[in-house]
Amino acid sequence: KTNKKKKNTARRKSIAYNNSSNKKHKKQNSNNNNDEEDDDDKENIEDMEDTNEGDTDLDEDYDYDNDNESTVLKKRKRNGKRVSRSSSTVYQTNKVRKLNSNQKDVSSKSKKKSTSENNTFKLCATGLSPENIVTVKRICSKLGGSFYSKYNKNITHIVCKHSHNKIVPRTMKYMSGIVNGCWIVDYDWIKSCSLHSKWMNEVNFEIKGDLSNGSNGPKRSRTIKSKPGHEENNLFYNKTIFMFGEFLNPKRSEINSLLKSTGCNLLTQLSSYDSEMEDEDHEVVVIVPDSFSFDVSKFAKISKGNDEEVDAVVDVTWIFDSISDFECKPIETYQIS
């Protein structure tokens, strides 16, 4: 029995020794493999540093760094340990990323600039049907433009309803476009833009005048307004205008809006006028709705002695006809006695 116990004890010790030896052997092999992989990582990093030196193509640099970085990260994940990278490699990679980011910013800015340049067409319509207005909006969206239901100083084009002889009704939007030097075009221009999928030259579609009296006002205004810097380019540059009476259609505010773009001195009170502040050739013109609504006694009362400074009292039609032709009409023709 004693011998049997000794044999069993010796067997157990032999088995324990073998297990311990196997574990040490496996651990040693694992460490050797890790050392080899660390060496591979270092070689990859060194190769990446050598390749980055002297490169000028940012796109190739960026792609190459990403590929190597991806390889290193995969090995880190597989080994479960962090692989240190040299400071020069980190700096080089960050530099490439920054340059590439700057390239994207420049590209983004150039795209925005290109879009803004194409968006120089700001349209407003007058006399168009609802269906035509929908078409105008669609063209603006497609070609890069803006559509406004109301006129403002940013408008570049007034689109009028189709007319064979390029003569259209006189509207406030039409006159606003003339006094500010806009393109006044026929609806056929929109059709042509839609057909060719681009903004077409406006010359062949420009409106010639209106049904009331005007002729060639749009072209004359656009030509003169394209040469800024001279006050003579303004329609009423040497006029002081005072609105007297009740204006209903169009409203006083709408007429005032037109006059502000003509270069005139617009008075809110005639009594505030000082003739010494003006040149000798300056004229004071009082605008009334019509000859029937002009009350001489009331006018003398509100002018407070300044009625002597008035050169003429004219019908409001003088303003509209002058704007339509973009030419100051003779006051005598419209003067109220």
C-alpha atoms as a PDB file:
ATOM      1  CA  LYS A   1       0.000   0.000   0.000  1.00  0.00           C
ATOM      2  CA  THR A   2       2.815   2.351   0.874  1.00  0.00           C
ATOM      3  CA  ASN A   3       4.475   1.724  -2.492  1.00  0.00           C
ATOM      4  CA  LYS A   4       1.165   2.316  -4.292  1.00  0.00           C
ATOM      5  CA  LYS A   5       0.676   5.651  -2.569  1.00  0.00           C
ATOM      6  CA  LYS A   6       4.200   6.701  -3.512  1.00  0.00           C
ATOM      7  CA  LYS A   7       3.568   5.821  -7.165  1.00  0.00           C
ATOM      8  CA  ASN A   8       0.321   7.823  -7.269  1.00  0.00           C
ATOM      9  CA  THR A   9       1.975  10.858  -5.696  1.00  0.00           C
ATOM     10  CA  ALA A  10       4.838  10.709  -8.195  1.00  0.00           C
ATOM     11  CA  ARG A  11       2.340  10.479 -11.093  1.00  0.00           C
ATOM     12  CA  ARG A  12       0.402  13.556  -9.892  1.00  0.00           C
ATOM     13  CA  LYS A  13       3.604  15.603  -9.575  1.00  0.00           C
ATOM     14  CA  SER A  14       4.652  14.551 -13.087  1.00  0.00           C
ATOM     15  CA  ILE A  15       1.300  15.647 -14.568  1.00  0.00           C
ATOM     16  CA  ALA A  16       1.403  19.006 -12.708  1.00  0.00           C
ATOM     17  CA  TYR A  17       4.952  19.637 -13.929  1.00  0.00           C
ATOM     18  CA  ASN A  18       3.991  18.919 -17.554  1.00  0.00           C
ATOM     19  CA  ASN A  19       0.978  21.271 -17.391  1.00  0.00           C
ATOM     20  CA  SER A  20       3.093  24.048 -15.935  1.00  0.00           C
ATOM     21  CA  SER A  21       5.718  23.547 -18.620  1.00  0.00           C
ATOM     22  CA  ASN A  22       3.101  23.684 -21.411  1.00  0.00           C
ATOM     23  CA  LYS A  23       1.666  26.940 -20.057  1.00  0.00           C
ATOM     24  CA  LYS A  24       5.086  28.586 -19.953  1.00  0.00           C
ATOM     25  CA  HIS A  25       5.786  27.429 -23.487  1.00  0.00           C
ATOM     26  CA  LYS A  26       2.468  28.874 -24.814  1.00  0.00           C
ATOM     27  CA  LYS A  27       3.019  32.185 -23.024  1.00  0.00           C
ATOM     28  CA  GLN A  28       6.504  32.481 -24.476  1.00  0.00           C
ATOM     29  CA  ASN A  29       5.205  31.793 -28.000  1.00  0.00           C
ATOM     30  CA  SER A  30       2.472  34.431 -27.543  1.00  0.00           C
ATOM     31  CA  ASN A  31       4.986  37.054 -26.438  1.00  0.00           C
ATOM     32  CA  ASN A  32       7.224  36.253 -29.389  1.00  0.00           C
ATOM     33  CA  ASN A  33       4.264  36.690 -31.773  1.00  0.00           C
ATOM     34  CA  ASN A  34       3.339  40.016 -30.178  1.00  0.00           C
ATOM     35  CA  ASP A  35       6.913  41.237 -30.488  1.00  0.00           C
ATOM     36  CA  GLU A  36       6.921  40.301 -34.146  1.00  0.00           C
ATOM     37  CA  GLU A  37       3.626  42.095 -34.760  1.00  0.00           C
ATOM     38  CA  ASP A  38       4.906  45.168 -32.888  1.00  0.00           C
ATOM     39  CA  ASP A  39       7.922  45.143 -35.170  1.00  0.00           C
ATOM     40  CA  ASP A  40       5.586  44.918 -38.174  1.00  0.00           C
ATOM     41  CA  ASP A  41       3.594  47.894 -36.886  1.00  0.00           C
ATOM     42  CA  LYS A  42       6.741  49.940 -36.429  1.00  0.00           C
ATOM     43  CA  GLU A  43       7.857  49.040 -39.934  1.00  0.00           C
ATOM     44  CA  ASN A  44       4.459  50.119 -41.325  1.00  0.00           C
ATOM     45  CA  ILE A  45       4.703  53.424 -39.491  1.00  0.00           C
ATOM     46  CA  GLU A  46       8.255  54.025 -40.671  1.00  0.00           C
ATOM     47  CA  ASP A  47       7.234  53.156 -44.241  1.00  0.00           C
ATOM     48  CA  MET A  48       4.377  55.637 -43.974  1.00  0.00           C
ATOM     49  CA  GLU A  49       6.743  58.379 -42.746  1.00  0.00           C
ATOM     50  CA  ASP A  50       9.147  57.711 -45.618  1.00  0.00           C
ATOM     51  CA  THR A  51       6.333  57.838 -48.181  1.00  0.00           C
ATOM     52  CA  ASN A  52       4.914  61.130 -46.783  1.00  0.00           C
ATOM     53  CA  GLU A  53       8.255  62.910 -47.137  1.00  0.00           C
ATOM     54  CA  GLY A  54       8.344  65.129 -50.277  1.00  0.00           C
ATOM     55  CA  ASP A  55       4.697  64.386 -51.316  1.00  0.00           C
ATOM     56  CA  THR A  56       2.738  67.365 -52.698  1.00  0.00           C
ATOM     57  CA  ASP A  57      -0.460  65.710 -53.941  1.00  0.00           C
ATOM     58  CA  LEU A  58      -2.856  66.202 -51.050  1.00  0.00           C
ATOM     59  CA  ASP A  59      -5.363  63.685 -52.281  1.00  0.00           C
ATOM     60  CA  GLU A  60      -2.784  60.898 -52.571  1.00  0.00           C
ATOM     61  CA  ASP A  61      -1.287  61.776 -49.162  1.00  0.00           C
ATOM     62  CA  TYR A  62      -4.649  61.651 -47.503  1.00  0.00           C
ATOM     63  CA  ASP A  63      -5.643  58.309 -49.024  1.00  0.00           C
ATOM     64  CA  TYR A  64      -2.288  56.735 -48.240  1.00  0.00           C
ATOM     65  CA  ASP A  65      -2.375  57.849 -44.602  1.00  0.00           C
ATOM     66  CA  ASN A  66      -5.874  56.555 -44.189  1.00  0.00           C
ATOM     67  CA  ASP A  67      -4.891  53.152 -45.559  1.00  0.00           C
ATOM     68  CA  ASN A  68      -1.886  52.825 -43.242  1.00  0.00           C
ATOM     69  CA  GLU A  69      -3.786  54.161 -40.272  1.00  0.00           C
ATOM     70  CA  SER A  70      -6.544  51.646 -40.954  1.00  0.00           C
ATOM     71  CA  THR A  71      -3.930  48.819 -41.017  1.00  0.00           C
ATOM     72  CA  VAL A  72      -2.439  49.931 -37.701  1.00  0.00           C
ATOM     73  CA  LEU A  73      -5.850  50.276 -36.065  1.00  0.00           C
ATOM     74  CA  LYS A  74      -6.823  46.788 -37.202  1.00  0.00           C
ATOM     75  CA  LYS A  75      -3.665  45.346 -35.630  1.00  0.00           C
ATOM     76  CA  ARG A  76      -4.284  47.268 -32.444  1.00  0.00           C
ATOM     77  CA  LYS A  77      -7.760  45.834 -32.228  1.00  0.00           C
ATOM     78  CA  ARG A  78      -6.525  42.336 -32.983  1.00  0.00           C
ATOM     79  CA  ASN A  79      -3.716  42.433 -30.441  1.00  0.00           C
ATOM     80  CA  GLY A  80      -5.774  44.224 -27.803  1.00  0.00           C
ATOM     81  CA  LYS A  81      -2.942  46.649 -27.095  1.00  0.00           C
ATOM     82  CA  ARG A  82      -1.975  50.216 -28.044  1.00  0.00           C
ATOM     83  CA  VAL A  83       0.764  50.737 -30.598  1.00  0.00           C
ATOM     84  CA  SER A  84       2.667  53.982 -30.063  1.00  0.00           C
ATOM     85  CA  ARG A  85       3.221  56.252 -33.056  1.00  0.00           C
ATOM     86  CA  SER A  86       6.007  58.755 -33.481  1.00  0.00           C
ATOM     87  CA  SER A  87       5.146  62.460 -33.057  1.00  0.00           C
ATOM     88  CA  SER A  88       6.258  63.216 -36.628  1.00  0.00           C
ATOM     89  CA  THR A  89       3.795  60.693 -38.032  1.00  0.00           C
ATOM     90  CA  VAL A  90       0.940  62.109 -35.958  1.00  0.00           C
ATOM     91  CA  TYR A  91       1.849  65.654 -37.048  1.00  0.00           C
ATOM     92  CA  GLN A  92       2.027  64.609 -40.704  1.00  0.00           C
ATOM     93  CA  THR A  93      -1.359  62.882 -40.578  1.00  0.00           C
ATOM     94  CA  ASN A  94      -3.017  65.799 -38.779  1.00  0.00           C
ATOM     95  CA  LYS A  95      -1.508  68.212 -41.289  1.00  0.00           C
ATOM     96  CA  VAL A  96      -2.937  66.242 -44.205  1.00  0.00           C
ATOM     97  CA  ARG A  97      -6.336  66.097 -42.552  1.00  0.00           C
ATOM     98  CA  LYS A  98      -6.298  69.850 -41.955  1.00  0.00           C
ATOM     99  CA  LEU A  99      -5.270  70.622 -45.541  1.00  0.00           C
ATOM    100  CA  ASN A 100      -7.922  68.297 -46.887  1.00  0.00           C
ATOM    101  CA  SER A 101     -10.508  69.960 -44.649  1.00  0.00           C
ATOM    102  CA  ASN A 102      -9.430  73.363 -45.979  1.00  0.00           C
ATOM    103  CA  GLN A 103      -9.851  72.075 -49.516  1.00  0.00           C
ATOM    104  CA  LYS A 104     -13.390  71.014 -48.705  1.00  0.00           C
ATOM    105  CA  ASP A 105     -14.133  74.461 -47.190  1.00  0.00           C
ATOM    106  CA  VAL A 106     -12.785  76.213 -50.306  1.00  0.00           C
ATOM    107  CA  SER A 107     -14.823  73.915 -52.523  1.00  0.00           C
ATOM    108  CA  SER A 108     -17.936  74.603 -50.444  1.00  0.00           C
ATOM    109  CA  LYS A 109     -17.365  78.372 -50.609  1.00  0.00           C
ATOM    110  CA  SER A 110     -16.847  78.272 -54.369  1.00  0.00           C
ATOM    111  CA  LYS A 111     -20.101  76.346 -54.785  1.00  0.00           C
ATOM    112  CA  LYS A 112     -21.947  78.918 -52.674  1.00  0.00           C
ATOM    113  CA  LYS A 113     -20.378  81.745 -54.672  1.00  0.00           C
ATOM    114  CA  SER A 114     -21.366  80.075 -57.934  1.00  0.00           C
ATOM    115  CA  THR A 115     -24.940  79.673 -56.681  1.00  0.00           C
ATOM    116  CA  SER A 116     -25.120  83.293 -55.581  1.00  0.00           C
ATOM    117  CA  GLU A 117     -23.772  84.455 -58.958  1.00  0.00           C
ATOM    118  CA  ASN A 118     -26.474  82.493 -60.774  1.00  0.00           C
ATOM    119  CA  ASN A 119     -29.083  83.936 -58.434  1.00  0.00           C
ATOM    120  CA  THR A 120     -28.826  87.448 -59.922  1.00  0.00           C
ATOM    121  CA  PHE A 121     -32.234  87.063 -61.582  1.00  0.00           C
ATOM    122  CA  LYS A 122     -34.889  88.501 -59.279  1.00  0.00           C
ATOM    123  CA  LEU A 123     -38.254  88.517 -60.983  1.00  0.00           C
ATOM    124  CA  CYS A 124     -41.601  90.195 -60.413  1.00  0.00           C
ATOM    125  CA  ALA A 125     -44.679  89.833 -62.584  1.00  0.00           C
ATOM    126  CA  THR A 126     -47.512  92.110 -63.668  1.00  0.00           C
ATOM    127  CA  GLY A 127     -50.663  91.182 -65.541  1.00  0.00           C
ATOM    128  CA  LEU A 128     -49.903  87.434 -65.590  1.00  0.00           C
ATOM    129  CA  SER A 129     -52.449  84.699 -64.968  1.00  0.00           C
ATOM    130  CA  PRO A 130     -52.010  82.385 -61.950  1.00  0.00           C
ATOM    131  CA  GLU A 131     -50.853  79.607 -64.300  1.00  0.00           C
ATOM    132  CA  ASN A 132     -48.200  81.867 -65.821  1.00  0.00           C
ATOM    133  CA  ILE A 133     -46.966  82.889 -62.380  1.00  0.00           C
ATOM    134  CA  VAL A 134     -46.552  79.224 -61.422  1.00  0.00           C
ATOM    135  CA  THR A 135     -44.415  78.766 -64.545  1.00  0.00           C
ATOM    136  CA  VAL A 136     -42.271  81.797 -63.660  1.00  0.00           C
ATOM    137  CA  LYS A 137     -41.687  80.430 -60.152  1.00  0.00           C
ATOM    138  CA  ARG A 138     -40.749  77.034 -61.562  1.00  0.00           C
ATOM    139  CA  ILE A 139     -38.212  78.587 -63.964  1.00  0.00           C
ATOM    140  CA  CYS A 140     -36.663  80.576 -61.103  1.00  0.00           C
ATOM    141  CA  SER A 141     -36.321  77.416 -59.055  1.00  0.00           C
ATOM    142  CA  LYS A 142     -34.862  75.459 -61.962  1.00  0.00           C
ATOM    143  CA  LEU A 143     -32.389  78.019 -63.323  1.00  0.00           C
ATOM    144  CA  GLY A 144     -31.420  79.733 -60.088  1.00  0.00           C
ATOM    145  CA  GLY A 145     -33.434  82.872 -59.483  1.00  0.00           C
ATOM    146  CA  SER A 146     -35.950  84.445 -57.123  1.00  0.00           C
ATOM    147  CA  PHE A 147     -39.575  85.439 -57.553  1.00  0.00           C
ATOM    148  CA  TYR A 148     -41.283  88.219 -55.596  1.00  0.00           C
ATOM    149  CA  SER A 149     -44.996  88.900 -55.528  1.00  0.00           C
ATOM    150  CA  LYS A 150     -44.388  92.570 -54.609  1.00  0.00           C
ATOM    151  CA  TYR A 151     -41.924  94.982 -56.155  1.00  0.00           C
ATOM    152  CA  ASN A 152     -38.758  95.890 -54.232  1.00  0.00           C
ATOM    153  CA  LYS A 153     -35.465  97.617 -55.031  1.00  0.00           C
ATOM    154  CA  ASN A 154     -33.713  94.248 -55.634  1.00  0.00           C
ATOM    155  CA  ILE A 155     -35.908  93.333 -58.614  1.00  0.00           C
ATOM    156  CA  THR A 156     -34.000  92.927 -61.884  1.00  0.00           C
ATOM    157  CA  HIS A 157     -36.810  91.849 -64.253  1.00  0.00           C
ATOM    158  CA  ILE A 158     -40.487  92.709 -64.621  1.00  0.00           C
ATOM    159  CA  VAL A 159     -42.347  90.019 -66.580  1.00  0.00           C
ATOM    160  CA  CYS A 160     -45.450  91.314 -68.398  1.00  0.00           C
ATOM    161  CA  LYS A 161     -48.198  89.382 -70.090  1.00  0.00           C
ATOM    162  CA  HIS A 162     -47.713  88.377 -73.699  1.00  0.00           C
ATOM    163  CA  SER A 163     -48.202  91.095 -76.327  1.00  0.00           C
ATOM    164  CA  HIS A 164     -47.543  90.804 -80.070  1.00  0.00           C
ATOM    165  CA  ASN A 165     -46.444  94.433 -80.480  1.00  0.00           C
ATOM    166  CA  LYS A 166     -44.640  94.581 -77.085  1.00  0.00           C
ATOM    167  CA  ILE A 167     -47.109  97.211 -75.818  1.00  0.00           C
ATOM    168  CA  VAL A 168     -48.607  96.476 -72.382  1.00  0.00           C
ATOM    169  CA  PRO A 169     -50.984  98.108 -69.863  1.00  0.00           C
ATOM    170  CA  ARG A 170     -49.430 100.677 -67.512  1.00  0.00           C
ATOM    171  CA  THR A 171     -49.240  99.350 -63.958  1.00  0.00           C
ATOM    172  CA  MET A 172     -47.414 100.444 -60.789  1.00  0.00           C
ATOM    173  CA  LYS A 173     -44.987  97.498 -61.068  1.00  0.00           C
ATOM    174  CA  TYR A 174     -44.327  98.403 -64.686  1.00  0.00           C
ATOM    175  CA  MET A 175     -43.520 102.015 -63.781  1.00  0.00           C
ATOM    176  CA  SER A 176     -41.456 100.925 -60.755  1.00  0.00           C
ATOM    177  CA  GLY A 177     -39.367  98.741 -63.046  1.00  0.00           C
ATOM    178  CA  ILE A 178     -38.777 101.603 -65.479  1.00  0.00           C
ATOM    179  CA  VAL A 179     -37.822 104.205 -62.882  1.00  0.00           C
ATOM    180  CA  ASN A 180     -35.258 101.778 -61.417  1.00  0.00           C
ATOM    181  CA  GLY A 181     -33.763 100.626 -64.740  1.00  0.00           C
ATOM    182  CA  CYS A 182     -35.065  97.033 -64.682  1.00  0.00           C
ATOM    183  CA  TRP A 183     -35.520  94.763 -67.641  1.00  0.00           C
ATOM    184  CA  ILE A 184     -39.206  94.916 -68.680  1.00  0.00           C
ATOM    185  CA  VAL A 185     -39.834  91.773 -70.715  1.00  0.00           C
ATOM    186  CA  ASP A 186     -42.636  89.905 -72.405  1.00  0.00           C
ATOM    187  CA  TYR A 187     -43.811  86.521 -71.061  1.00  0.00           C
ATOM    188  CA  ASP A 188     -42.327  84.932 -74.180  1.00  0.00           C
ATOM    189  CA  TRP A 189     -38.929  85.393 -72.529  1.00  0.00           C
ATOM    190  CA  ILE A 190     -39.974  82.921 -69.822  1.00  0.00           C
ATOM    191  CA  LYS A 191     -41.077  80.448 -72.486  1.00  0.00           C
ATOM    192  CA  SER A 192     -37.736  80.752 -74.248  1.00  0.00           C
ATOM    193  CA  CYS A 193     -35.832  80.251 -70.972  1.00  0.00           C
ATOM    194  CA  SER A 194     -37.886  77.147 -70.273  1.00  0.00           C
ATOM    195  CA  LEU A 195     -37.296  75.759 -73.761  1.00  0.00           C
ATOM    196  CA  HIS A 196     -33.517  76.192 -73.650  1.00  0.00           C
ATOM    197  CA  SER A 197     -33.131  75.485 -69.911  1.00  0.00           C
ATOM    198  CA  LYS A 198     -31.118  78.670 -69.348  1.00  0.00           C
ATOM    199  CA  TRP A 199     -31.596  82.405 -68.903  1.00  0.00           C
ATOM    200  CA  MET A 200     -31.894  83.848 -72.407  1.00  0.00           C
ATOM    201  CA  ASN A 201     -30.827  87.266 -73.695  1.00  0.00           C
ATOM    202  CA  GLU A 202     -33.606  89.745 -72.937  1.00  0.00           C
ATOM    203  CA  VAL A 203     -33.107  92.159 -75.857  1.00  0.00           C
ATOM    204  CA  ASN A 204     -35.556  90.489 -78.253  1.00  0.00           C
ATOM    205  CA  PHE A 205     -38.234  90.300 -75.545  1.00  0.00           C
ATOM    206  CA  GLU A 206     -38.026  93.847 -74.132  1.00  0.00           C
ATOM    207  CA  ILE A 207     -41.288  95.769 -73.844  1.00  0.00           C
ATOM    208  CA  LYS A 208     -41.469  98.889 -76.041  1.00  0.00           C
ATOM    209  CA  GLY A 209     -44.088 100.914 -74.179  1.00  0.00           C
ATOM    210  CA  ASP A 210     -47.536 101.018 -72.574  1.00  0.00           C
ATOM    211  CA  LEU A 211     -51.063 101.515 -73.819  1.00  0.00           C
ATOM    212  CA  SER A 212     -51.480 104.947 -72.210  1.00  0.00           C
ATOM    213  CA  ASN A 213     -48.748 107.022 -73.764  1.00  0.00           C
ATOM    214  CA  GLY A 214     -45.244 105.731 -73.128  1.00  0.00           C
ATOM    215  CA  SER A 215     -42.847 104.561 -75.815  1.00  0.00           C
ATOM    216  CA  ASN A 216     -39.310 103.120 -75.472  1.00  0.00           C
ATOM    217  CA  GLY A 217     -39.253 104.109 -71.806  1.00  0.00           C
ATOM    218  CA  PRO A 218     -37.942 100.715 -70.592  1.00  0.00           C
ATOM    219  CA  LYS A 219     -34.938 100.716 -72.931  1.00  0.00           C
ATOM    220  CA  ARG A 220     -34.180 104.419 -72.362  1.00  0.00           C
ATOM    221  CA  SER A 221     -34.264 103.991 -68.586  1.00  0.00           C
ATOM    222  CA  ARG A 222     -32.172 100.827 -68.609  1.00  0.00           C
ATOM    223  CA  THR A 223     -29.533 102.465 -70.818  1.00  0.00           C
ATOM    224  CA  ILE A 224     -29.302 105.635 -68.744  1.00  0.00           C
ATOM    225  CA  LYS A 225     -29.394 103.852 -65.391  1.00  0.00           C
ATOM    226  CA  SER A 226     -26.527 101.606 -66.462  1.00  0.00           C
ATOM    227  CA  LYS A 227     -24.267 104.685 -66.292  1.00  0.00           C
ATOM    228  CA  PRO A 228     -24.464 105.737 -62.626  1.00  0.00           C
ATOM    229  CA  GLY A 229     -22.622 108.669 -61.107  1.00  0.00           C
ATOM    230  CA  HIS A 230     -24.474 111.605 -62.693  1.00  0.00           C
ATOM    231  CA  GLU A 231     -27.537 113.186 -61.094  1.00  0.00           C
ATOM    232  CA  GLU A 232     -28.843 113.963 -64.573  1.00  0.00           C
ATOM    233  CA  ASN A 233     -29.521 110.239 -64.856  1.00  0.00           C
ATOM    234  CA  ASN A 234     -32.403 110.777 -62.445  1.00  0.00           C
ATOM    235  CA  LEU A 235     -35.693 111.766 -64.017  1.00  0.00           C
ATOM    236  CA  PHE A 236     -36.638 114.667 -61.692  1.00  0.00           C
ATOM    237  CA  TYR A 237     -33.186 115.531 -60.344  1.00  0.00           C
ATOM    238  CA  ASN A 238     -33.906 119.315 -60.463  1.00  0.00           C
ATOM    239  CA  LYS A 239     -37.469 119.214 -59.123  1.00  0.00           C
ATOM    240  CA  THR A 240     -39.028 119.751 -55.706  1.00  0.00           C
ATOM    241  CA  ILE A 241     -42.404 118.019 -55.561  1.00  0.00           C
ATOM    242  CA  PHE A 242     -45.254 118.406 -53.109  1.00  0.00           C
ATOM    243  CA  MET A 243     -48.301 116.135 -53.190  1.00  0.00           C
ATOM    244  CA  PHE A 244     -51.535 118.013 -52.490  1.00  0.00           C
ATOM    245  CA  GLY A 245     -54.970 116.428 -52.196  1.00  0.00           C
ATOM    246  CA  GLU A 246     -56.390 112.946 -51.685  1.00  0.00           C
ATOM    247  CA  PHE A 247     -54.868 110.222 -53.870  1.00  0.00           C
ATOM    248  CA  LEU A 248     -56.820 106.980 -53.986  1.00  0.00           C
ATOM    249  CA  ASN A 249     -55.831 105.016 -57.100  1.00  0.00           C
ATOM    250  CA  PRO A 250     -52.916 104.794 -56.995  1.00  0.00           C
ATOM    251  CA  LYS A 251     -52.426 105.697 -53.349  1.00  0.00           C
ATOM    252  CA  ARG A 252     -50.232 108.541 -52.163  1.00  0.00           C
ATOM    253  CA  SER A 253     -47.744 106.063 -50.635  1.00  0.00           C
ATOM    254  CA  GLU A 254     -47.360 104.263 -53.974  1.00  0.00           C
ATOM    255  CA  ILE A 255     -46.731 107.508 -55.856  1.00  0.00           C
ATOM    256  CA  ASN A 256     -44.229 108.620 -53.212  1.00  0.00           C
ATOM    257  CA  SER A 257     -42.403 105.318 -53.657  1.00  0.00           C
ATOM    258  CA  LEU A 258     -42.041 106.058 -57.373  1.00  0.00           C
ATOM    259  CA  LEU A 259     -40.886 109.625 -56.774  1.00  0.00           C
ATOM    260  CA  LYS A 260     -38.168 108.556 -54.330  1.00  0.00           C
ATOM    261  CA  SER A 261     -36.443 106.781 -57.222  1.00  0.00           C
ATOM    262  CA  THR A 262     -36.563 109.810 -59.539  1.00  0.00           C
ATOM    263  CA  GLY A 263     -34.053 111.979 -57.659  1.00  0.00           C
ATOM    264  CA  CYS A 264     -36.539 114.701 -56.756  1.00  0.00           C
ATOM    265  CA  ASN A 265     -36.774 116.556 -53.461  1.00  0.00           C
ATOM    266  CA  LEU A 266     -40.045 115.249 -52.014  1.00  0.00           C
ATOM    267  CA  LEU A 267     -41.730 117.588 -49.519  1.00  0.00           C
ATOM    268  CA  THR A 268     -44.094 116.474 -46.802  1.00  0.00           C
ATOM    269  CA  GLN A 269     -44.995 120.110 -45.997  1.00  0.00           C
ATOM    270  CA  LEU A 270     -44.826 122.953 -48.446  1.00  0.00           C
ATOM    271  CA  SER A 271     -44.230 125.439 -45.630  1.00  0.00           C
ATOM    272  CA  SER A 272     -40.870 123.774 -44.909  1.00  0.00           C
ATOM    273  CA  TYR A 273     -39.480 124.589 -48.348  1.00  0.00           C
ATOM    274  CA  ASP A 274     -36.476 126.928 -48.438  1.00  0.00           C
ATOM    275  CA  SER A 275     -35.724 128.286 -51.912  1.00  0.00           C
ATOM    276  CA  GLU A 276     -32.279 129.501 -50.853  1.00  0.00           C
ATOM    277  CA  MET A 277     -31.167 125.885 -50.507  1.00  0.00           C
ATOM    278  CA  GLU A 278     -31.841 125.115 -54.164  1.00  0.00           C
ATOM    279  CA  ASP A 279     -30.208 126.035 -57.496  1.00  0.00           C
ATOM    280  CA  GLU A 280     -31.650 128.707 -59.755  1.00  0.00           C
ATOM    281  CA  ASP A 281     -32.937 126.182 -62.280  1.00  0.00           C
ATOM    282  CA  HIS A 282     -34.747 124.218 -59.558  1.00  0.00           C
ATOM    283  CA  GLU A 283     -38.535 124.040 -59.970  1.00  0.00           C
ATOM    284  CA  VAL A 284     -41.199 123.578 -57.319  1.00  0.00           C
ATOM    285  CA  VAL A 285     -44.071 121.466 -58.638  1.00  0.00           C
ATOM    286  CA  VAL A 286     -47.306 120.726 -56.790  1.00  0.00           C
ATOM    287  CA  ILE A 287     -49.028 117.487 -57.790  1.00  0.00           C
ATOM    288  CA  VAL A 288     -52.811 117.135 -57.510  1.00  0.00           C
ATOM    289  CA  PRO A 289     -55.031 114.121 -58.293  1.00  0.00           C
ATOM    290  CA  ASP A 290     -56.860 116.001 -61.059  1.00  0.00           C
ATOM    291  CA  SER A 291     -57.921 119.471 -62.073  1.00  0.00           C
ATOM    292  CA  PHE A 292     -61.349 119.124 -60.463  1.00  0.00           C
ATOM    293  CA  SER A 293     -60.045 118.342 -56.973  1.00  0.00           C
ATOM    294  CA  PHE A 294     -57.708 121.333 -56.702  1.00  0.00           C
ATOM    295  CA  ASP A 295     -58.920 123.777 -54.050  1.00  0.00           C
ATOM    296  CA  VAL A 296     -57.042 127.061 -54.495  1.00  0.00           C
ATOM    297  CA  SER A 297     -58.123 128.583 -51.209  1.00  0.00           C
ATOM    298  CA  LYS A 298     -57.216 125.507 -49.204  1.00  0.00           C
ATOM    299  CA  PHE A 299     -53.888 125.302 -50.956  1.00  0.00           C
ATOM    300  CA  ALA A 300     -53.077 128.933 -50.127  1.00  0.00           C
ATOM    301  CA  LYS A 301     -53.924 128.246 -46.484  1.00  0.00           C
ATOM    302  CA  ILE A 302     -51.613 125.242 -46.029  1.00  0.00           C
ATOM    303  CA  SER A 303     -48.743 126.783 -48.000  1.00  0.00           C
ATOM    304  CA  LYS A 304     -48.443 129.615 -45.430  1.00  0.00           C
ATOM    305  CA  GLY A 305     -47.067 132.151 -47.870  1.00  0.00           C
ATOM    306  CA  ASN A 306     -44.856 129.707 -49.747  1.00  0.00           C
ATOM    307  CA  ASP A 307     -47.350 129.465 -52.595  1.00  0.00           C
ATOM    308  CA  GLU A 308     -45.357 132.178 -54.327  1.00  0.00           C
ATOM    309  CA  GLU A 309     -42.437 129.742 -54.505  1.00  0.00           C
ATOM    310  CA  VAL A 310     -44.506 127.288 -56.543  1.00  0.00           C
ATOM    311  CA  ASP A 311     -43.644 127.201 -60.220  1.00  0.00           C
ATOM    312  CA  ALA A 312     -46.515 124.995 -61.361  1.00  0.00           C
ATOM    313  CA  VAL A 313     -49.501 122.954 -60.223  1.00  0.00           C
ATOM    314  CA  VAL A 314     -49.929 119.882 -62.421  1.00  0.00           C
ATOM    315  CA  ASP A 315     -52.070 116.809 -62.757  1.00  0.00           C
ATOM    316  CA  VAL A 316     -50.562 113.563 -61.421  1.00  0.00           C
ATOM    317  CA  THR A 317     -50.583 112.220 -64.974  1.00  0.00           C
ATOM    318  CA  TRP A 318     -47.436 114.301 -65.561  1.00  0.00           C
ATOM    319  CA  ILE A 319     -45.542 111.941 -63.252  1.00  0.00           C
ATOM    320  CA  PHE A 320     -46.826 108.775 -64.917  1.00  0.00           C
ATOM    321  CA  ASP A 321     -46.240 109.950 -68.487  1.00  0.00           C
ATOM    322  CA  SER A 322     -42.739 111.157 -67.645  1.00  0.00           C
ATOM    323  CA  ILE A 323     -41.862 107.808 -66.066  1.00  0.00           C
ATOM    324  CA  SER A 324     -43.326 105.771 -68.933  1.00  0.00           C
ATOM    325  CA  ASP A 325     -41.099 107.585 -71.435  1.00  0.00           C
ATOM    326  CA  PHE A 326     -38.352 108.090 -68.851  1.00  0.00           C
ATOM    327  CA  GLU A 327     -38.279 111.655 -70.010  1.00  0.00           C
ATOM    328  CA  CYS A 328     -39.456 114.704 -68.092  1.00  0.00           C
ATOM    329  CA  LYS A 329     -42.533 115.922 -69.941  1.00  0.00           C
ATOM    330  CA  PRO A 330     -43.184 119.671 -70.439  1.00  0.00           C
ATOM    331  CA  ILE A 331     -44.982 120.970 -67.375  1.00  0.00           C
ATOM    332  CA  GLU A 332     -47.086 123.376 -69.440  1.00  0.00           C
ATOM    333  CA  THR A 333     -48.966 120.480 -71.024  1.00  0.00           C
ATOM    334  CA  TYR A 334     -50.240 119.262 -67.640  1.00  0.00           C
ATOM    335  CA  GLN A 335     -50.464 122.557 -65.757  1.00  0.00           C
ATOM    336  CA  ILE A 336     -53.661 123.507 -63.961  1.00  0.00           C
ATOM    337  CA  SER A 337     -54.604 127.187 -64.321  1.00  0.00           C
END
